[in-house]
């Protein structure tokens, strides 16, 4: 019996509808939510991602400020631009598109962003708040995955979850979010031995490797009626693919996400939601000053 498709496009639209309503309400109070993006260099994929984010902002009424910088910009020059955006009261959210050119320091760059404008949830401040269950701004992809669980009323309490990723952008934030829901979480990665055994005993598998030459999640690796969330996306044999073949996985899983059209749309939707949250945080702090 075929499982249920977790359609990221449909769920993302419900988030966008809520964001559009909140944006309209803020504008009626004279507040214009604004996201500033910073794109460094000429990476075609990054340029496309930023363009899509601007388009999504326009759809829900969020204003944008686009900063395209030369790939030879120095760390000091980049820091000065971020400082200017931090000080700009008309900007509520700041997104520096990753990855950065190799001569720039990612940690130094993301750490420079004001925590209340950190719509990617990557600053040490917000990462620490997440570990303490106090974060208002959480990385977009992990929070998008949690939104998917909520949409389908999937109870995570007591579930055995295998998370195949340990990055700051996906794996680590998801680990804390899943723990908050009282799940039992096992994090697997490139050094994990016998990863198949962990997967075969999991109620839920969340995979985000993104390299078919190194890892593929096959139906033999999952148990009957498990849930599979495929966060990965890469180009393989001229196709956009995730870590597993959806058509094969859905025949064994109770729920699964396709690629494309699964987690991807959720990432952009949660960015919009974070921008509204950042706007609200800015308002609160402004009133306290």
C-alpha atoms as a PDB file:
ATOM      1  CA  UNK A   1       0.000   0.000   0.000  1.00  0.00           C
ATOM      2  CA  UNK A   2       1.421   3.358  -1.057  1.00  0.00           C
ATOM      3  CA  UNK A   3       2.184   5.925   1.633  1.00  0.00           C
ATOM      4  CA  UNK A   4       1.153   9.588   1.828  1.00  0.00           C
ATOM      5  CA  UNK A   5       3.070  12.244  -0.062  1.00  0.00           C
ATOM      6  CA  UNK A   6       4.192  15.180   2.090  1.00  0.00           C
ATOM      7  CA  UNK A   7       3.703  17.963  -0.439  1.00  0.00           C
ATOM      8  CA  UNK A   8       5.984  20.873   0.425  1.00  0.00           C
ATOM      9  CA  UNK A   9       4.333  23.171  -2.099  1.00  0.00           C
ATOM     10  CA  UNK A  10       0.921  22.867  -0.441  1.00  0.00           C
ATOM     11  CA  UNK A  11       2.266  23.218   3.109  1.00  0.00           C
ATOM     12  CA  UNK A  12       4.503  26.137   2.124  1.00  0.00           C
ATOM     13  CA  UNK A  13       1.471  27.944   0.710  1.00  0.00           C
ATOM     14  CA  UNK A  14      -0.331  27.687   4.056  1.00  0.00           C
ATOM     15  CA  UNK A  15       2.704  29.331   5.688  1.00  0.00           C
ATOM     16  CA  UNK A  16       2.810  32.035   3.016  1.00  0.00           C
ATOM     17  CA  UNK A  17      -0.894  32.745   3.537  1.00  0.00           C
ATOM     18  CA  UNK A  18      -0.273  33.319   7.255  1.00  0.00           C
ATOM     19  CA  UNK A  19       2.731  35.509   6.494  1.00  0.00           C
ATOM     20  CA  UNK A  20       0.761  37.581   3.978  1.00  0.00           C
ATOM     21  CA  UNK A  21      -1.960  38.165   6.557  1.00  0.00           C
ATOM     22  CA  UNK A  22       0.608  39.223   9.178  1.00  0.00           C
ATOM     23  CA  UNK A  23       2.377  41.493   6.670  1.00  0.00           C
ATOM     24  CA  UNK A  24      -0.888  43.229   5.789  1.00  0.00           C
ATOM     25  CA  UNK A  25      -1.623  43.790   9.470  1.00  0.00           C
ATOM     26  CA  UNK A  26       1.843  45.251  10.107  1.00  0.00           C
ATOM     27  CA  UNK A  27       1.528  47.565   7.108  1.00  0.00           C
ATOM     28  CA  UNK A  28      -1.802  48.830   8.441  1.00  0.00           C
ATOM     29  CA  UNK A  29       0.192  49.963  11.500  1.00  0.00           C
ATOM     30  CA  UNK A  30       2.737  51.771   9.336  1.00  0.00           C
ATOM     31  CA  UNK A  31       5.355  49.018   9.593  1.00  0.00           C
ATOM     32  CA  UNK A  32       6.865  47.711   6.358  1.00  0.00           C
ATOM     33  CA  UNK A  33       8.655  44.348   6.882  1.00  0.00           C
ATOM     34  CA  UNK A  34      11.909  44.309   4.936  1.00  0.00           C
ATOM     35  CA  UNK A  35      14.477  41.610   4.160  1.00  0.00           C
ATOM     36  CA  UNK A  36      17.996  42.552   3.044  1.00  0.00           C
ATOM     37  CA  UNK A  37      19.942  39.951   1.075  1.00  0.00           C
ATOM     38  CA  UNK A  38      23.687  39.904   0.523  1.00  0.00           C
ATOM     39  CA  UNK A  39      25.037  37.953  -2.452  1.00  0.00           C
ATOM     40  CA  UNK A  40      28.802  37.763  -2.951  1.00  0.00           C
ATOM     41  CA  UNK A  41      30.289  36.714  -6.264  1.00  0.00           C
ATOM     42  CA  UNK A  42      28.733  35.117  -9.331  1.00  0.00           C
ATOM     43  CA  UNK A  43      27.670  31.647  -8.209  1.00  0.00           C
ATOM     44  CA  UNK A  44      24.722  30.859 -10.550  1.00  0.00           C
ATOM     45  CA  UNK A  45      22.955  28.600  -8.025  1.00  0.00           C
ATOM     46  CA  UNK A  46      23.240  31.219  -5.265  1.00  0.00           C
ATOM     47  CA  UNK A  47      21.979  33.927  -7.609  1.00  0.00           C
ATOM     48  CA  UNK A  48      18.944  31.780  -8.444  1.00  0.00           C
ATOM     49  CA  UNK A  49      18.234  31.100  -4.769  1.00  0.00           C
ATOM     50  CA  UNK A  50      18.350  34.823  -3.946  1.00  0.00           C
ATOM     51  CA  UNK A  51      16.128  35.667  -6.917  1.00  0.00           C
ATOM     52  CA  UNK A  52      13.552  33.108  -5.746  1.00  0.00           C
ATOM     53  CA  UNK A  53      13.634  34.514  -2.224  1.00  0.00           C
ATOM     54  CA  UNK A  54      12.973  38.033  -3.525  1.00  0.00           C
ATOM     55  CA  UNK A  55      10.098  36.738  -5.624  1.00  0.00           C
ATOM     56  CA  UNK A  56       8.585  34.971  -2.617  1.00  0.00           C
ATOM     57  CA  UNK A  57       8.889  38.145  -0.542  1.00  0.00           C
ATOM     58  CA  UNK A  58       7.071  40.104  -3.228  1.00  0.00           C
ATOM     59  CA  UNK A  59       4.229  37.554  -3.230  1.00  0.00           C
ATOM     60  CA  UNK A  60       3.506  38.129   0.477  1.00  0.00           C
ATOM     61  CA  UNK A  61       4.175  41.882   0.549  1.00  0.00           C
ATOM     62  CA  UNK A  62       7.608  41.873   2.212  1.00  0.00           C
ATOM     63  CA  UNK A  63       9.977  44.532   0.871  1.00  0.00           C
ATOM     64  CA  UNK A  64      13.528  43.603  -0.097  1.00  0.00           C
ATOM     65  CA  UNK A  65      16.918  45.264  -0.394  1.00  0.00           C
ATOM     66  CA  UNK A  66      19.322  43.466  -2.710  1.00  0.00           C
ATOM     67  CA  UNK A  67      23.082  43.777  -2.172  1.00  0.00           C
ATOM     68  CA  UNK A  68      25.250  42.168  -4.876  1.00  0.00           C
ATOM     69  CA  UNK A  69      28.918  42.350  -3.922  1.00  0.00           C
ATOM     70  CA  UNK A  70      32.130  41.667  -5.817  1.00  0.00           C
ATOM     71  CA  UNK A  71      33.588  38.246  -5.052  1.00  0.00           C
ATOM     72  CA  UNK A  72      36.917  39.888  -4.132  1.00  0.00           C
ATOM     73  CA  UNK A  73      35.390  41.883  -1.292  1.00  0.00           C
ATOM     74  CA  UNK A  74      37.455  41.722   1.917  1.00  0.00           C
ATOM     75  CA  UNK A  75      36.196  40.395   5.240  1.00  0.00           C
ATOM     76  CA  UNK A  76      36.452  43.898   6.691  1.00  0.00           C
ATOM     77  CA  UNK A  77      34.399  45.419   3.864  1.00  0.00           C
ATOM     78  CA  UNK A  78      31.748  42.729   4.253  1.00  0.00           C
ATOM     79  CA  UNK A  79      31.626  43.311   8.012  1.00  0.00           C
ATOM     80  CA  UNK A  80      31.089  47.030   7.446  1.00  0.00           C
ATOM     81  CA  UNK A  81      28.147  46.351   5.115  1.00  0.00           C
ATOM     82  CA  UNK A  82      26.568  43.996   7.674  1.00  0.00           C
ATOM     83  CA  UNK A  83      27.084  46.638  10.374  1.00  0.00           C
ATOM     84  CA  UNK A  84      25.259  49.177   8.197  1.00  0.00           C
ATOM     85  CA  UNK A  85      22.334  46.773   7.735  1.00  0.00           C
ATOM     86  CA  UNK A  86      22.278  46.045  11.469  1.00  0.00           C
ATOM     87  CA  UNK A  87      21.947  49.781  12.124  1.00  0.00           C
ATOM     88  CA  UNK A  88      19.333  50.378   9.406  1.00  0.00           C
ATOM     89  CA  UNK A  89      15.968  50.542  11.210  1.00  0.00           C
ATOM     90  CA  UNK A  90      14.118  50.003   7.913  1.00  0.00           C
ATOM     91  CA  UNK A  91      15.724  46.530   7.581  1.00  0.00           C
ATOM     92  CA  UNK A  92      14.216  43.808   9.769  1.00  0.00           C
ATOM     93  CA  UNK A  93      15.949  40.695   8.442  1.00  0.00           C
ATOM     94  CA  UNK A  94      19.429  40.069   7.018  1.00  0.00           C
ATOM     95  CA  UNK A  95      20.338  37.062   4.890  1.00  0.00           C
ATOM     96  CA  UNK A  96      23.883  36.469   3.655  1.00  0.00           C
ATOM     97  CA  UNK A  97      23.652  33.839   0.922  1.00  0.00           C
ATOM     98  CA  UNK A  98      25.930  30.863   1.519  1.00  0.00           C
ATOM     99  CA  UNK A  99      28.361  29.445   0.546  1.00  0.00           C
ATOM    100  CA  UNK A 100      30.813  32.338   0.608  1.00  0.00           C
ATOM    101  CA  UNK A 101      33.940  32.666  -1.534  1.00  0.00           C
ATOM    102  CA  UNK A 102      36.776  30.686   0.066  1.00  0.00           C
ATOM    103  CA  UNK A 103      38.702  33.735   1.305  1.00  0.00           C
ATOM    104  CA  UNK A 104      35.783  34.838   3.503  1.00  0.00           C
ATOM    105  CA  UNK A 105      35.084  33.392   6.950  1.00  0.00           C
ATOM    106  CA  UNK A 106      31.554  32.027   7.245  1.00  0.00           C
ATOM    107  CA  UNK A 107      31.481  32.007  11.049  1.00  0.00           C
ATOM    108  CA  UNK A 108      32.794  35.565  11.323  1.00  0.00           C
ATOM    109  CA  UNK A 109      30.252  36.695   8.730  1.00  0.00           C
ATOM    110  CA  UNK A 110      27.141  35.096  10.194  1.00  0.00           C
ATOM    111  CA  UNK A 111      28.214  36.024  13.734  1.00  0.00           C
ATOM    112  CA  UNK A 112      28.300  39.669  12.674  1.00  0.00           C
ATOM    113  CA  UNK A 113      24.560  39.747  11.969  1.00  0.00           C
ATOM    114  CA  UNK A 114      22.361  41.175  14.722  1.00  0.00           C
ATOM    115  CA  UNK A 115      20.604  38.242  16.470  1.00  0.00           C
ATOM    116  CA  UNK A 116      17.213  39.924  16.078  1.00  0.00           C
ATOM    117  CA  UNK A 117      17.768  40.241  12.301  1.00  0.00           C
ATOM    118  CA  UNK A 118      19.238  36.754  11.893  1.00  0.00           C
ATOM    119  CA  UNK A 119      16.557  35.173   9.677  1.00  0.00           C
ATOM    120  CA  UNK A 120      18.792  32.152   8.991  1.00  0.00           C
ATOM    121  CA  UNK A 121      19.139  31.399  12.715  1.00  0.00           C
ATOM    122  CA  UNK A 122      22.906  30.938  12.351  1.00  0.00           C
ATOM    123  CA  UNK A 123      24.335  33.362  14.889  1.00  0.00           C
ATOM    124  CA  UNK A 124      25.903  31.819  18.028  1.00  0.00           C
ATOM    125  CA  UNK A 125      23.296  33.722  20.057  1.00  0.00           C
ATOM    126  CA  UNK A 126      20.324  32.116  18.312  1.00  0.00           C
ATOM    127  CA  UNK A 127      21.981  28.693  18.131  1.00  0.00           C
ATOM    128  CA  UNK A 128      22.489  28.882  21.893  1.00  0.00           C
ATOM    129  CA  UNK A 129      18.888  29.942  22.484  1.00  0.00           C
ATOM    130  CA  UNK A 130      17.730  26.968  20.424  1.00  0.00           C
ATOM    131  CA  UNK A 131      19.716  24.590  22.621  1.00  0.00           C
ATOM    132  CA  UNK A 132      17.994  26.185  25.627  1.00  0.00           C
ATOM    133  CA  UNK A 133      14.528  25.926  24.020  1.00  0.00           C
ATOM    134  CA  UNK A 134      14.259  29.729  23.856  1.00  0.00           C
ATOM    135  CA  UNK A 135      14.887  30.525  20.177  1.00  0.00           C
ATOM    136  CA  UNK A 136      12.529  32.807  18.246  1.00  0.00           C
ATOM    137  CA  UNK A 137      14.552  32.610  15.025  1.00  0.00           C
ATOM    138  CA  UNK A 138      15.444  29.079  13.903  1.00  0.00           C
ATOM    139  CA  UNK A 139      17.208  27.926  10.725  1.00  0.00           C
ATOM    140  CA  UNK A 140      14.668  27.805   7.896  1.00  0.00           C
ATOM    141  CA  UNK A 141      15.063  24.242   6.643  1.00  0.00           C
ATOM    142  CA  UNK A 142      14.814  22.585  10.094  1.00  0.00           C
ATOM    143  CA  UNK A 143      11.811  24.691  11.056  1.00  0.00           C
ATOM    144  CA  UNK A 144      10.253  23.825   7.689  1.00  0.00           C
ATOM    145  CA  UNK A 145      10.615  20.116   8.450  1.00  0.00           C
ATOM    146  CA  UNK A 146       8.902  20.649  11.802  1.00  0.00           C
ATOM    147  CA  UNK A 147       6.085  22.513  10.034  1.00  0.00           C
ATOM    148  CA  UNK A 148       5.583  19.449   7.833  1.00  0.00           C
ATOM    149  CA  UNK A 149       5.197  17.210  10.867  1.00  0.00           C
ATOM    150  CA  UNK A 150       2.686  19.644  12.375  1.00  0.00           C
ATOM    151  CA  UNK A 151       0.673  19.867   9.150  1.00  0.00           C
ATOM    152  CA  UNK A 152       0.205  16.093   9.042  1.00  0.00           C
ATOM    153  CA  UNK A 153      -0.337  15.802  12.811  1.00  0.00           C
ATOM    154  CA  UNK A 154       2.639  13.472  13.137  1.00  0.00           C
ATOM    155  CA  UNK A 155       3.341  12.944  16.830  1.00  0.00           C
ATOM    156  CA  UNK A 156       7.095  12.806  17.468  1.00  0.00           C
ATOM    157  CA  UNK A 157       6.976  11.919  21.155  1.00  0.00           C
ATOM    158  CA  UNK A 158       8.809   8.682  21.851  1.00  0.00           C
ATOM    159  CA  UNK A 159       9.663   8.142  18.183  1.00  0.00           C
ATOM    160  CA  UNK A 160      13.085   6.802  17.205  1.00  0.00           C
ATOM    161  CA  UNK A 161      14.459   9.288  14.686  1.00  0.00           C
ATOM    162  CA  UNK A 162      17.624   8.880  12.635  1.00  0.00           C
ATOM    163  CA  UNK A 163      19.043  12.170  11.408  1.00  0.00           C
ATOM    164  CA  UNK A 164      21.657  11.828   8.672  1.00  0.00           C
ATOM    165  CA  UNK A 165      23.362  15.209   8.826  1.00  0.00           C
ATOM    166  CA  UNK A 166      25.342  17.156  11.437  1.00  0.00           C
ATOM    167  CA  UNK A 167      25.685  20.580   9.795  1.00  0.00           C
ATOM    168  CA  UNK A 168      25.005  23.885  11.546  1.00  0.00           C
ATOM    169  CA  UNK A 169      22.344  24.667   8.952  1.00  0.00           C
ATOM    170  CA  UNK A 170      20.325  21.437   9.112  1.00  0.00           C
ATOM    171  CA  UNK A 171      21.416  18.618  11.404  1.00  0.00           C
ATOM    172  CA  UNK A 172      22.249  20.415  14.630  1.00  0.00           C
ATOM    173  CA  UNK A 173      19.168  22.689  14.721  1.00  0.00           C
ATOM    174  CA  UNK A 174      16.913  19.754  13.821  1.00  0.00           C
ATOM    175  CA  UNK A 175      18.429  17.683  16.629  1.00  0.00           C
ATOM    176  CA  UNK A 176      17.348  20.276  19.198  1.00  0.00           C
ATOM    177  CA  UNK A 177      13.910  20.800  17.636  1.00  0.00           C
ATOM    178  CA  UNK A 178      13.229  17.066  17.651  1.00  0.00           C
ATOM    179  CA  UNK A 179      14.396  16.730  21.265  1.00  0.00           C
ATOM    180  CA  UNK A 180      11.942  19.469  22.216  1.00  0.00           C
ATOM    181  CA  UNK A 181       9.197  17.175  20.898  1.00  0.00           C
ATOM    182  CA  UNK A 182      10.469  14.339  23.139  1.00  0.00           C
ATOM    183  CA  UNK A 183      11.791  12.231  20.283  1.00  0.00           C
ATOM    184  CA  UNK A 184      14.815   9.952  20.648  1.00  0.00           C
ATOM    185  CA  UNK A 185      17.325  11.258  18.112  1.00  0.00           C
ATOM    186  CA  UNK A 186      20.361   9.491  16.678  1.00  0.00           C
ATOM    187  CA  UNK A 187      22.643  11.630  14.512  1.00  0.00           C
ATOM    188  CA  UNK A 188      24.491   9.781  11.761  1.00  0.00           C
ATOM    189  CA  UNK A 189      27.201  11.176   9.497  1.00  0.00           C
ATOM    190  CA  UNK A 190      30.076  10.244   7.183  1.00  0.00           C
ATOM    191  CA  UNK A 191      31.969   8.468   9.970  1.00  0.00           C
ATOM    192  CA  UNK A 192      29.007   6.452  11.255  1.00  0.00           C
ATOM    193  CA  UNK A 193      29.503   2.691  11.030  1.00  0.00           C
ATOM    194  CA  UNK A 194      26.651   0.381   9.967  1.00  0.00           C
ATOM    195  CA  UNK A 195      24.336   3.271   9.141  1.00  0.00           C
ATOM    196  CA  UNK A 196      21.899   0.786   7.590  1.00  0.00           C
ATOM    197  CA  UNK A 197      21.216  -0.776  10.999  1.00  0.00           C
ATOM    198  CA  UNK A 198      20.302   2.599  12.488  1.00  0.00           C
ATOM    199  CA  UNK A 199      17.987   3.351   9.574  1.00  0.00           C
ATOM    200  CA  UNK A 200      16.258  -0.041   9.663  1.00  0.00           C
ATOM    201  CA  UNK A 201      15.187   0.470  13.279  1.00  0.00           C
ATOM    202  CA  UNK A 202      14.037   4.082  12.855  1.00  0.00           C
ATOM    203  CA  UNK A 203      10.436   5.269  12.969  1.00  0.00           C
ATOM    204  CA  UNK A 204      11.483   8.410  11.107  1.00  0.00           C
ATOM    205  CA  UNK A 205      14.509   9.065   8.896  1.00  0.00           C
ATOM    206  CA  UNK A 206      15.564  12.595   8.001  1.00  0.00           C
ATOM    207  CA  UNK A 207      18.354  12.512   5.441  1.00  0.00           C
ATOM    208  CA  UNK A 208      20.368  15.459   4.113  1.00  0.00           C
ATOM    209  CA  UNK A 209      23.587  14.193   2.539  1.00  0.00           C
ATOM    210  CA  UNK A 210      23.160  15.618  -0.952  1.00  0.00           C
ATOM    211  CA  UNK A 211      25.698  13.480  -2.796  1.00  0.00           C
ATOM    212  CA  UNK A 212      24.425  10.382  -4.610  1.00  0.00           C
ATOM    213  CA  UNK A 213      28.006   9.208  -5.204  1.00  0.00           C
ATOM    214  CA  UNK A 214      28.447   8.832  -1.440  1.00  0.00           C
ATOM    215  CA  UNK A 215      25.021   7.900  -0.080  1.00  0.00           C
ATOM    216  CA  UNK A 216      21.629   6.671  -1.269  1.00  0.00           C
ATOM    217  CA  UNK A 217      18.770   5.740   1.054  1.00  0.00           C
ATOM    218  CA  UNK A 218      17.218   2.619  -0.457  1.00  0.00           C
ATOM    219  CA  UNK A 219      13.905   0.906   0.433  1.00  0.00           C
ATOM    220  CA  UNK A 220      15.891  -1.970   1.956  1.00  0.00           C
ATOM    221  CA  UNK A 221      17.289   0.465   4.531  1.00  0.00           C
ATOM    222  CA  UNK A 222      13.908   1.505   5.978  1.00  0.00           C
ATOM    223  CA  UNK A 223      11.309  -0.426   7.911  1.00  0.00           C
ATOM    224  CA  UNK A 224       7.672  -0.787   6.887  1.00  0.00           C
ATOM    225  CA  UNK A 225       5.494   2.270   7.574  1.00  0.00           C
ATOM    226  CA  UNK A 226       8.400   4.482   8.595  1.00  0.00           C
ATOM    227  CA  UNK A 227       8.487   8.180   7.666  1.00  0.00           C
ATOM    228  CA  UNK A 228      11.172   9.543   5.324  1.00  0.00           C
ATOM    229  CA  UNK A 229      12.011  13.234   5.052  1.00  0.00           C
ATOM    230  CA  UNK A 230      14.473  13.875   2.225  1.00  0.00           C
ATOM    231  CA  UNK A 231      16.121  17.260   2.763  1.00  0.00           C
ATOM    232  CA  UNK A 232      18.875  16.766   0.185  1.00  0.00           C
ATOM    233  CA  UNK A 233      18.873  18.212  -3.296  1.00  0.00           C
ATOM    234  CA  UNK A 234      21.578  17.855  -5.914  1.00  0.00           C
ATOM    235  CA  UNK A 235      21.962  17.313  -9.637  1.00  0.00           C
ATOM    236  CA  UNK A 236      22.662  13.720 -10.609  1.00  0.00           C
ATOM    237  CA  UNK A 237      22.530  12.338 -14.151  1.00  0.00           C
ATOM    238  CA  UNK A 238      20.975  15.620 -15.328  1.00  0.00           C
ATOM    239  CA  UNK A 239      18.136  15.431 -12.808  1.00  0.00           C
ATOM    240  CA  UNK A 240      17.400  17.142  -9.498  1.00  0.00           C
ATOM    241  CA  UNK A 241      17.427  14.401  -6.891  1.00  0.00           C
ATOM    242  CA  UNK A 242      17.470  13.874  -3.154  1.00  0.00           C
ATOM    243  CA  UNK A 243      19.083  11.112  -1.126  1.00  0.00           C
ATOM    244  CA  UNK A 244      16.427   8.569  -2.106  1.00  0.00           C
ATOM    245  CA  UNK A 245      14.139   7.677  -4.992  1.00  0.00           C
ATOM    246  CA  UNK A 246      10.707   8.866  -3.877  1.00  0.00           C
ATOM    247  CA  UNK A 247       8.762   6.486  -6.142  1.00  0.00           C
ATOM    248  CA  UNK A 248      10.438   3.496  -4.509  1.00  0.00           C
ATOM    249  CA  UNK A 249      10.459   4.789  -0.915  1.00  0.00           C
ATOM    250  CA  UNK A 250       6.759   5.766  -0.891  1.00  0.00           C
ATOM    251  CA  UNK A 251       5.774   2.151  -1.586  1.00  0.00           C
ATOM    252  CA  UNK A 252       7.174   1.165   1.812  1.00  0.00           C
ATOM    253  CA  UNK A 253       6.950   4.344   3.912  1.00  0.00           C
ATOM    254  CA  UNK A 254       3.808   5.724   5.562  1.00  0.00           C
ATOM    255  CA  UNK A 255       4.835   9.287   4.669  1.00  0.00           C
ATOM    256  CA  UNK A 256       7.619  10.630   2.440  1.00  0.00           C
ATOM    257  CA  UNK A 257       8.731  13.864   0.805  1.00  0.00           C
ATOM    258  CA  UNK A 258       9.509  14.129  -2.916  1.00  0.00           C
ATOM    259  CA  UNK A 259      12.490  15.960  -4.417  1.00  0.00           C
ATOM    260  CA  UNK A 260      11.915  18.484  -5.800  1.00  0.00           C
ATOM    261  CA  UNK A 261       8.692  19.803  -4.260  1.00  0.00           C
ATOM    262  CA  UNK A 262       9.235  18.590  -0.722  1.00  0.00           C
ATOM    263  CA  UNK A 263      11.401  20.351   1.829  1.00  0.00           C
ATOM    264  CA  UNK A 264      12.700  22.939  -0.666  1.00  0.00           C
ATOM    265  CA  UNK A 265       9.562  25.117  -0.798  1.00  0.00           C
ATOM    266  CA  UNK A 266       9.363  24.976   3.000  1.00  0.00           C
ATOM    267  CA  UNK A 267      12.795  26.569   3.370  1.00  0.00           C
ATOM    268  CA  UNK A 268      11.706  29.690   1.486  1.00  0.00           C
ATOM    269  CA  UNK A 269       8.345  29.829   3.295  1.00  0.00           C
ATOM    270  CA  UNK A 270      10.040  29.702   6.704  1.00  0.00           C
ATOM    271  CA  UNK A 271      12.400  32.481   5.641  1.00  0.00           C
ATOM    272  CA  UNK A 272       9.336  34.649   5.065  1.00  0.00           C
ATOM    273  CA  UNK A 273       7.943  33.631   8.453  1.00  0.00           C
ATOM    274  CA  UNK A 274      11.283  34.421  10.123  1.00  0.00           C
ATOM    275  CA  UNK A 275      11.304  37.859   8.499  1.00  0.00           C
ATOM    276  CA  UNK A 276       7.940  38.634  10.105  1.00  0.00           C
ATOM    277  CA  UNK A 277       9.200  37.275  13.438  1.00  0.00           C
ATOM    278  CA  UNK A 278      12.321  39.443  13.138  1.00  0.00           C
ATOM    279  CA  UNK A 279      10.117  42.452  12.387  1.00  0.00           C
ATOM    280  CA  UNK A 280       8.125  41.792  15.555  1.00  0.00           C
ATOM    281  CA  UNK A 281      11.311  41.409  17.606  1.00  0.00           C
ATOM    282  CA  UNK A 282      12.571  44.724  16.273  1.00  0.00           C
ATOM    283  CA  UNK A 283       9.305  46.413  17.220  1.00  0.00           C
ATOM    284  CA  UNK A 284       9.433  45.006  20.757  1.00  0.00           C
ATOM    285  CA  UNK A 285      13.007  46.105  21.323  1.00  0.00           C
ATOM    286  CA  UNK A 286      12.287  49.515  19.829  1.00  0.00           C
ATOM    287  CA  UNK A 287       9.458  50.023  22.304  1.00  0.00           C
ATOM    288  CA  UNK A 288      11.711  49.078  25.207  1.00  0.00           C
ATOM    289  CA  UNK A 289      14.329  51.653  24.279  1.00  0.00           C
END
